[in-house]
């Protein structure tokens, strides 16, 4: 992976001087119990007088954040949709997600601007469409999250080392290309980007419905990309083994 060399100037009395004022000056919409009711009950549950957040599982996400040296709140919502859509597609194809394959489909470019970090489709490897082409109404939709004492912190590994930054990092890593893609990842990439398999890009909005309605996602993929399924991919891999 390639690390970017953009310079960041940090002012002594303001460790976040490098962050865009448009972001630093945002106030949270969720400042009362009434406002919290607006959130999905499936992701938020009350515990006494506190709000407990369920950090929804996404197999590659902690490794993706680690690779980018990026905090969860620093990643643009469209990029979170890319991660989830990738996870869903891998589960549909009965394959384990991998960093090598993920960063063969996505790049991280120009990430030193003091604003949100964005994933972009790798040139020539476009598989997913943006969740939203215009995503402007999320900046004030944030809350502060902390782990409860009786549960193992989600942000550390078994050695109690942080998996990724919890606060915005002034040095997110630019990733333009995968250096060591495995032979298997090469074959899966060829399958996913084959014009015979992928005639059109896939909708992230449709794919992320998987947890609530996997059948509708299967129907969507069957109609949108009939050649995109685990049986076809296994046959493709056998032919090139």
Protein backbone atom coordinates (compact mmCIF):
# COMPACT_ATOMS: atom_id res chain seq x y z
CA UNK A 1 0.00 0.00 0.00
CA UNK A 2 1.24 3.50 -0.69
CA UNK A 3 1.34 6.11 2.03
CA UNK A 4 0.66 9.69 1.06
CA UNK A 5 3.16 12.47 1.75
CA UNK A 6 0.85 15.43 2.29
CA UNK A 7 2.01 17.81 5.01
CA UNK A 8 -0.25 18.58 7.98
CA UNK A 9 0.35 21.66 10.13
CA UNK A 10 -0.84 21.32 13.73
CA UNK A 11 -1.18 24.44 15.89
CA UNK A 12 0.04 23.89 19.46
CA UNK A 13 -3.14 25.07 21.20
CA UNK A 14 -5.46 23.36 18.71
CA UNK A 15 -4.57 19.73 17.91
CA UNK A 16 -7.35 19.73 15.29
CA UNK A 17 -6.31 22.93 13.55
CA UNK A 18 -5.87 20.89 10.36
CA UNK A 19 -9.57 19.90 10.29
CA UNK A 20 -11.83 21.96 8.04
CA UNK A 21 -13.81 24.64 9.91
CA UNK A 22 -16.96 23.45 8.13
CA UNK A 23 -16.61 20.19 10.07
CA UNK A 24 -15.31 21.52 13.39
CA UNK A 25 -18.17 24.01 13.64
CA UNK A 26 -20.89 21.37 13.24
CA UNK A 27 -23.14 20.67 16.24
CA UNK A 28 -24.82 17.32 16.80
CA UNK A 29 -28.50 16.97 16.06
CA UNK A 30 -28.83 14.35 18.82
CA UNK A 31 -28.74 16.36 22.04
CA UNK A 32 -31.92 15.09 23.71
CA UNK A 33 -33.86 11.88 24.30
CA UNK A 34 -36.46 13.06 21.81
CA UNK A 35 -33.83 13.49 19.12
CA UNK A 36 -32.43 10.05 19.86
CA UNK A 37 -35.83 8.56 19.07
CA UNK A 38 -35.14 9.42 15.44
CA UNK A 39 -32.47 6.73 15.30
CA UNK A 40 -33.14 3.17 14.24
CA UNK A 41 -34.17 0.97 17.15
CA UNK A 42 -32.27 -1.89 15.57
CA UNK A 43 -28.93 -0.17 16.09
CA UNK A 44 -29.54 1.69 19.34
CA UNK A 45 -30.92 0.38 22.63
CA UNK A 46 -31.52 2.15 25.92
CA UNK A 47 -29.70 0.97 29.03
CA UNK A 48 -30.72 2.87 32.13
CA UNK A 49 -30.19 6.53 31.43
CA UNK A 50 -27.50 5.92 28.84
CA UNK A 51 -27.61 5.06 25.17
CA UNK A 52 -25.82 1.87 24.17
CA UNK A 53 -24.59 1.63 20.59
CA UNK A 54 -24.37 -1.69 18.80
CA UNK A 55 -21.27 -1.60 16.59
CA UNK A 56 -22.72 -3.55 13.67
CA UNK A 57 -20.42 -6.30 12.37
CA UNK A 58 -18.68 -5.80 9.06
CA UNK A 59 -15.98 -8.40 8.54
CA UNK A 60 -13.27 -6.29 6.91
CA UNK A 61 -14.05 -2.91 8.46
CA UNK A 62 -11.56 -2.80 11.32
CA UNK A 63 -8.76 -3.91 8.98
CA UNK A 64 -9.83 -1.36 6.38
CA UNK A 65 -9.75 1.42 8.97
CA UNK A 66 -6.37 0.21 10.23
CA UNK A 67 -4.97 0.16 6.71
CA UNK A 68 -6.19 3.71 6.08
CA UNK A 69 -5.24 4.93 9.59
CA UNK A 70 -8.73 6.38 9.74
CA UNK A 71 -11.29 6.81 12.55
CA UNK A 72 -14.82 5.44 11.98
CA UNK A 73 -16.36 8.91 12.00
CA UNK A 74 -13.70 10.15 9.56
CA UNK A 75 -14.89 7.85 6.79
CA UNK A 76 -17.57 9.28 4.51
CA UNK A 77 -20.98 7.50 4.67
CA UNK A 78 -20.76 6.54 1.00
CA UNK A 79 -17.52 4.75 1.82
CA UNK A 80 -19.17 2.84 4.67
CA UNK A 81 -21.79 1.75 2.15
CA UNK A 82 -19.01 0.49 -0.14
CA UNK A 83 -17.55 -1.58 2.73
CA UNK A 84 -20.90 -3.09 3.63
CA UNK A 85 -21.82 -3.79 0.00
CA UNK A 86 -18.47 -5.52 -0.49
CA UNK A 87 -19.08 -7.66 2.59
CA UNK A 88 -22.56 -8.61 1.37
CA UNK A 89 -21.31 -9.53 -2.09
CA UNK A 90 -18.57 -11.73 -0.62
CA UNK A 91 -21.11 -13.50 1.60
CA UNK A 92 -23.41 -13.98 -1.40
CA UNK A 93 -20.50 -15.48 -3.35
CA UNK A 94 -19.54 -17.62 -0.34
CA UNK A 95 -16.10 -16.07 -0.10
CA UNK A 96 -14.23 -14.50 2.81
CA UNK A 97 -13.58 -10.76 2.35
CA UNK A 98 -9.92 -9.81 2.04
CA UNK A 99 -8.00 -6.54 2.13
CA UNK A 100 -6.17 -7.38 -1.09
CA UNK A 101 -9.41 -7.79 -3.00
CA UNK A 102 -11.10 -4.83 -1.32
CA UNK A 103 -8.29 -2.43 -2.23
CA UNK A 104 -8.23 -3.87 -5.74
CA UNK A 105 -11.74 -2.47 -6.13
CA UNK A 106 -11.26 0.79 -4.20
CA UNK A 107 -8.68 3.53 -3.80
CA UNK A 108 -8.11 6.23 -1.18
CA UNK A 109 -6.95 9.41 -2.88
CA UNK A 110 -6.33 13.02 -1.77
CA UNK A 111 -7.04 12.33 1.88
CA UNK A 112 -5.10 15.19 3.54
CA UNK A 113 -7.67 17.95 3.16
CA UNK A 114 -8.91 17.95 6.75
CA UNK A 115 -12.28 16.59 5.72
CA UNK A 116 -13.92 13.17 5.29
CA UNK A 117 -11.92 10.31 3.81
CA UNK A 118 -13.48 8.88 0.67
CA UNK A 119 -13.16 5.54 -1.07
CA UNK A 120 -13.28 5.67 -4.87
CA UNK A 121 -13.72 2.86 -7.35
CA UNK A 122 -10.42 1.67 -8.77
CA UNK A 123 -10.15 2.73 -12.44
CA UNK A 124 -11.39 -0.10 -14.62
CA UNK A 125 -12.65 -2.08 -11.61
CA UNK A 126 -16.00 -0.44 -10.95
CA UNK A 127 -18.37 -2.93 -9.36
CA UNK A 128 -20.47 -0.76 -7.04
CA UNK A 129 -22.39 2.48 -7.57
CA UNK A 130 -22.39 5.21 -4.92
CA UNK A 131 -25.02 4.81 -2.23
CA UNK A 132 -25.96 8.43 -2.88
CA UNK A 133 -24.59 10.72 -5.57
CA UNK A 134 -25.31 13.75 -3.37
CA UNK A 135 -24.74 13.11 0.32
CA UNK A 136 -24.96 16.40 2.22
CA UNK A 137 -27.33 15.87 5.14
CA UNK A 138 -25.22 13.79 7.52
CA UNK A 139 -22.72 16.24 9.07
CA UNK A 140 -24.85 16.99 12.14
CA UNK A 141 -25.90 13.36 12.69
CA UNK A 142 -23.25 12.16 15.11
CA UNK A 143 -22.94 11.11 18.74
CA UNK A 144 -20.08 10.34 21.09
CA UNK A 145 -19.60 6.62 21.64
CA UNK A 146 -17.81 4.77 24.43
CA UNK A 147 -17.65 1.12 25.46
CA UNK A 148 -19.49 -0.06 28.57
CA UNK A 149 -17.21 -1.47 31.28
CA UNK A 150 -18.72 -4.96 31.35
CA UNK A 151 -18.03 -5.61 27.66
CA UNK A 152 -14.75 -6.06 25.78
CA UNK A 153 -13.93 -2.84 23.88
CA UNK A 154 -14.69 -3.21 20.18
CA UNK A 155 -11.76 -1.03 19.19
CA UNK A 156 -8.91 -3.18 20.61
CA UNK A 157 -7.65 -6.63 19.70
CA UNK A 158 -6.93 -9.57 22.01
CA UNK A 159 -3.60 -7.94 22.93
CA UNK A 160 -5.40 -4.70 23.91
CA UNK A 161 -3.82 -2.85 21.00
CA UNK A 162 -6.05 -0.34 19.14
CA UNK A 163 -7.42 -1.70 15.87
CA UNK A 164 -7.86 1.78 14.43
CA UNK A 165 -7.85 5.43 15.59
CA UNK A 166 -10.85 6.48 17.66
CA UNK A 167 -10.30 10.16 16.95
CA UNK A 168 -9.71 11.80 13.59
CA UNK A 169 -6.21 11.12 12.32
CA UNK A 170 -4.18 13.91 10.75
CA UNK A 171 -2.31 11.30 8.68
CA UNK A 172 -4.81 9.08 6.85
CA UNK A 173 -3.03 6.86 4.35
CA UNK A 174 -3.47 7.21 0.62
CA UNK A 175 -3.91 3.80 -1.02
CA UNK A 176 -3.64 3.71 -4.78
CA UNK A 177 -2.68 0.12 -5.54
CA UNK A 178 -2.28 -3.28 -3.90
CA UNK A 179 1.35 -4.39 -3.88
CA UNK A 180 0.95 -8.10 -3.13
CA UNK A 181 -2.33 -9.46 -4.44
CA UNK A 182 -2.58 -13.24 -4.16
CA UNK A 183 -3.20 -15.45 -7.18
CA UNK A 184 -6.66 -16.27 -5.82
CA UNK A 185 -7.49 -12.56 -5.39
CA UNK A 186 -6.34 -11.96 -8.98
CA UNK A 187 -8.75 -14.61 -10.25
CA UNK A 188 -11.69 -13.33 -8.18
CA UNK A 189 -10.95 -9.80 -9.39
CA UNK A 190 -11.00 -10.97 -13.02
CA UNK A 191 -14.31 -12.70 -12.39
CA UNK A 192 -15.91 -9.64 -10.75
CA UNK A 193 -14.75 -7.25 -13.46
CA UNK A 194 -15.56 -9.49 -16.40
CA UNK A 195 -18.00 -7.86 -18.80
CA UNK A 196 -19.73 -11.24 -19.15
CA UNK A 197 -20.48 -11.19 -15.41
CA UNK A 198 -20.89 -7.48 -14.71
CA UNK A 199 -22.78 -5.60 -17.39
CA UNK A 200 -23.71 -2.79 -14.97
CA UNK A 201 -22.47 -1.62 -11.58
CA UNK A 202 -24.35 -2.82 -8.51
CA UNK A 203 -26.43 -0.62 -6.24
CA UNK A 204 -25.02 -0.31 -2.72
CA UNK A 205 -28.48 0.76 -1.55
CA UNK A 206 -29.91 -2.57 -2.70
CA UNK A 207 -27.07 -4.72 -1.37
CA UNK A 208 -27.06 -3.34 2.16
CA UNK A 209 -30.63 -4.58 2.63
CA UNK A 210 -29.10 -8.04 3.04
CA UNK A 211 -29.44 -8.36 6.84
CA UNK A 212 -33.12 -7.42 6.78
CA UNK A 213 -34.16 -9.09 3.52
CA UNK A 214 -31.55 -11.35 1.95
CA UNK A 215 -34.09 -12.81 -0.46
CA UNK A 216 -34.75 -9.45 -2.13
CA UNK A 217 -30.99 -8.97 -2.52
CA UNK A 218 -30.68 -12.39 -4.15
CA UNK A 219 -33.52 -11.49 -6.51
CA UNK A 220 -31.90 -8.14 -7.29
CA UNK A 221 -28.55 -9.76 -8.11
CA UNK A 222 -30.23 -12.49 -10.14
CA UNK A 223 -31.92 -9.87 -12.30
CA UNK A 224 -29.11 -7.33 -12.42
CA UNK A 225 -26.20 -9.73 -12.90
CA UNK A 226 -27.38 -13.29 -13.71
CA UNK A 227 -23.80 -14.52 -14.11
CA UNK A 228 -22.76 -13.26 -10.68
CA UNK A 229 -23.22 -16.18 -8.30
CA UNK A 230 -21.14 -18.67 -6.35
CA UNK A 231 -21.68 -21.49 -8.86
CA UNK A 232 -20.47 -19.41 -11.80
CA UNK A 233 -17.48 -18.14 -9.83
CA UNK A 234 -16.45 -21.64 -8.77
CA UNK A 235 -16.62 -22.80 -12.40
CA UNK A 236 -14.57 -19.74 -13.45
CA UNK A 237 -11.92 -20.51 -10.84
CA UNK A 238 -11.75 -24.20 -11.77
CA UNK A 239 -11.19 -23.35 -15.44
CA UNK A 240 -8.20 -21.20 -14.53
CA UNK A 241 -6.74 -23.38 -11.78
